[in-house]
Each structure stands twice: as C-alpha cells, then as structure tokens.
C-alpha cells in the first residue's frame, strides 16, 4: 500500500521521515494510520491511452566520471 509519513518513524519493514512516500504491507499501513504516523495515498493510474507501459526517460546531462587507469 502506498503511504505518506506524517512523522519520523522506523519499523522492521520501513523507516520514513515526514512527507516521504513509501510502500508497505496492508497490515503495517493499518497500524501506521491508527497511530497517526502516516496516511494512505492513492495509487497513480496510468493515463497512457495507447496502452504502452514503457516510458522514455531523458538521459542525464553533465560530466561522466571515468575510472582512472
């Protein structure tokens, strides 16, 4: 389940700081919401109408580090 942390916390499954989005089990999500440590967020839907699930990511610009010989 997708969650957003309201406070800093750490568990066996995940740790997060306020505002951080993360995924966790439904069981942990229920506990975090009950304790007011996190809130659930909606899953993002794929609005790509062509049905193509591949997306293109632009290449990073800048210098590339090279291993020294």
C-alpha atoms as a PDB file:
ATOM      1  CA  UNK A   1       0.000   0.000   0.000  1.00  0.00           C
ATOM      2  CA  UNK A   2       1.286   3.494  -0.814  1.00  0.00           C
ATOM      3  CA  UNK A   3       1.703   5.726   2.236  1.00  0.00           C
ATOM      4  CA  UNK A   4       2.967   9.198   3.184  1.00  0.00           C
ATOM      5  CA  UNK A   5       4.751   9.664   6.511  1.00  0.00           C
ATOM      6  CA  UNK A   6       3.410  12.299   8.914  1.00  0.00           C
ATOM      7  CA  UNK A   7       6.233  11.883  11.454  1.00  0.00           C
ATOM      8  CA  UNK A   8       9.641  10.195  11.550  1.00  0.00           C
ATOM      9  CA  UNK A   9       9.483   6.508  12.425  1.00  0.00           C
ATOM     10  CA  UNK A  10      11.261   3.197  11.912  1.00  0.00           C
ATOM     11  CA  UNK A  11       9.899  -0.335  11.833  1.00  0.00           C
ATOM     12  CA  UNK A  12      11.240  -3.716  10.792  1.00  0.00           C
ATOM     13  CA  UNK A  13       9.722  -3.176   7.356  1.00  0.00           C
ATOM     14  CA  UNK A  14      10.363   0.508   6.598  1.00  0.00           C
ATOM     15  CA  UNK A  15      11.612   3.811   8.002  1.00  0.00           C
ATOM     16  CA  UNK A  16      10.484   7.250   6.863  1.00  0.00           C
ATOM     17  CA  UNK A  17      10.608  10.979   7.576  1.00  0.00           C
ATOM     18  CA  UNK A  18       7.698  13.459   7.338  1.00  0.00           C
ATOM     19  CA  UNK A  19       6.479  13.882   3.752  1.00  0.00           C
ATOM     20  CA  UNK A  20       8.251  10.786   2.449  1.00  0.00           C
ATOM     21  CA  UNK A  21       6.161   8.443   0.294  1.00  0.00           C
ATOM     22  CA  UNK A  22       6.726   4.705   0.668  1.00  0.00           C
ATOM     23  CA  UNK A  23       5.161   1.293   0.173  1.00  0.00           C
ATOM     24  CA  UNK A  24       4.404  -1.193   2.922  1.00  0.00           C
ATOM     25  CA  UNK A  25       2.185  -4.149   3.744  1.00  0.00           C
ATOM     26  CA  UNK A  26      -1.515  -3.572   4.354  1.00  0.00           C
ATOM     27  CA  UNK A  27      -1.101  -4.745   7.963  1.00  0.00           C
ATOM     28  CA  UNK A  28       1.629  -2.197   8.711  1.00  0.00           C
ATOM     29  CA  UNK A  29      -0.334   0.507   6.880  1.00  0.00           C
ATOM     30  CA  UNK A  30      -3.315  -0.027   9.174  1.00  0.00           C
ATOM     31  CA  UNK A  31      -1.077   0.261  12.258  1.00  0.00           C
ATOM     32  CA  UNK A  32       0.624   3.431  10.973  1.00  0.00           C
ATOM     33  CA  UNK A  33      -2.703   5.119  10.186  1.00  0.00           C
ATOM     34  CA  UNK A  34      -4.144   4.120  13.570  1.00  0.00           C
ATOM     35  CA  UNK A  35      -1.082   5.603  15.321  1.00  0.00           C
ATOM     36  CA  UNK A  36      -1.253   8.720  13.091  1.00  0.00           C
ATOM     37  CA  UNK A  37       2.306   8.118  11.862  1.00  0.00           C
ATOM     38  CA  UNK A  38       1.250   8.027   8.185  1.00  0.00           C
ATOM     39  CA  UNK A  39      -1.654   8.425   5.805  1.00  0.00           C
ATOM     40  CA  UNK A  40      -2.619   6.435   2.748  1.00  0.00           C
ATOM     41  CA  UNK A  41      -2.185   7.943  -0.693  1.00  0.00           C
ATOM     42  CA  UNK A  42      -3.903   6.937  -3.898  1.00  0.00           C
ATOM     43  CA  UNK A  43      -2.040   4.803  -6.390  1.00  0.00           C
ATOM     44  CA  UNK A  44      -1.184   6.731  -9.539  1.00  0.00           C
ATOM     45  CA  UNK A  45      -3.156   5.485 -12.518  1.00  0.00           C
ATOM     46  CA  UNK A  46      -1.537   5.053 -15.911  1.00  0.00           C
ATOM     47  CA  UNK A  47      -3.203   7.673 -18.139  1.00  0.00           C
ATOM     48  CA  UNK A  48      -1.345   6.441 -21.218  1.00  0.00           C
ATOM     49  CA  UNK A  49      -4.201   5.815 -23.669  1.00  0.00           C
ATOM     50  CA  UNK A  50      -2.057   3.942 -26.202  1.00  0.00           C
ATOM     51  CA  UNK A  51      -1.600   1.065 -23.758  1.00  0.00           C
ATOM     52  CA  UNK A  52       2.178   1.407 -23.916  1.00  0.00           C
ATOM     53  CA  UNK A  53       3.578   0.787 -20.444  1.00  0.00           C
ATOM     54  CA  UNK A  54       7.134   1.746 -21.412  1.00  0.00           C
ATOM     55  CA  UNK A  55       8.167   5.308 -20.773  1.00  0.00           C
ATOM     56  CA  UNK A  56      11.186   7.155 -22.067  1.00  0.00           C
ATOM     57  CA  UNK A  57      13.472   8.757 -19.527  1.00  0.00           C
ATOM     58  CA  UNK A  58      15.767  11.528 -20.807  1.00  0.00           C
ATOM     59  CA  UNK A  59      19.488  10.926 -20.457  1.00  0.00           C
ATOM     60  CA  UNK A  60      21.277  12.760 -17.669  1.00  0.00           C
ATOM     61  CA  UNK A  61      23.339  15.740 -18.771  1.00  0.00           C
ATOM     62  CA  UNK A  62      26.720  16.625 -17.382  1.00  0.00           C
ATOM     63  CA  UNK A  63      30.152  15.119 -16.994  1.00  0.00           C
ATOM     64  CA  UNK A  64      30.555  11.418 -16.603  1.00  0.00           C
ATOM     65  CA  UNK A  65      33.174  10.161 -14.239  1.00  0.00           C
ATOM     66  CA  UNK A  66      35.753   7.830 -15.709  1.00  0.00           C
ATOM     67  CA  UNK A  67      37.726   5.207 -13.856  1.00  0.00           C
ATOM     68  CA  UNK A  68      41.394   6.092 -13.593  1.00  0.00           C
ATOM     69  CA  UNK A  69      43.795   3.644 -15.213  1.00  0.00           C
END
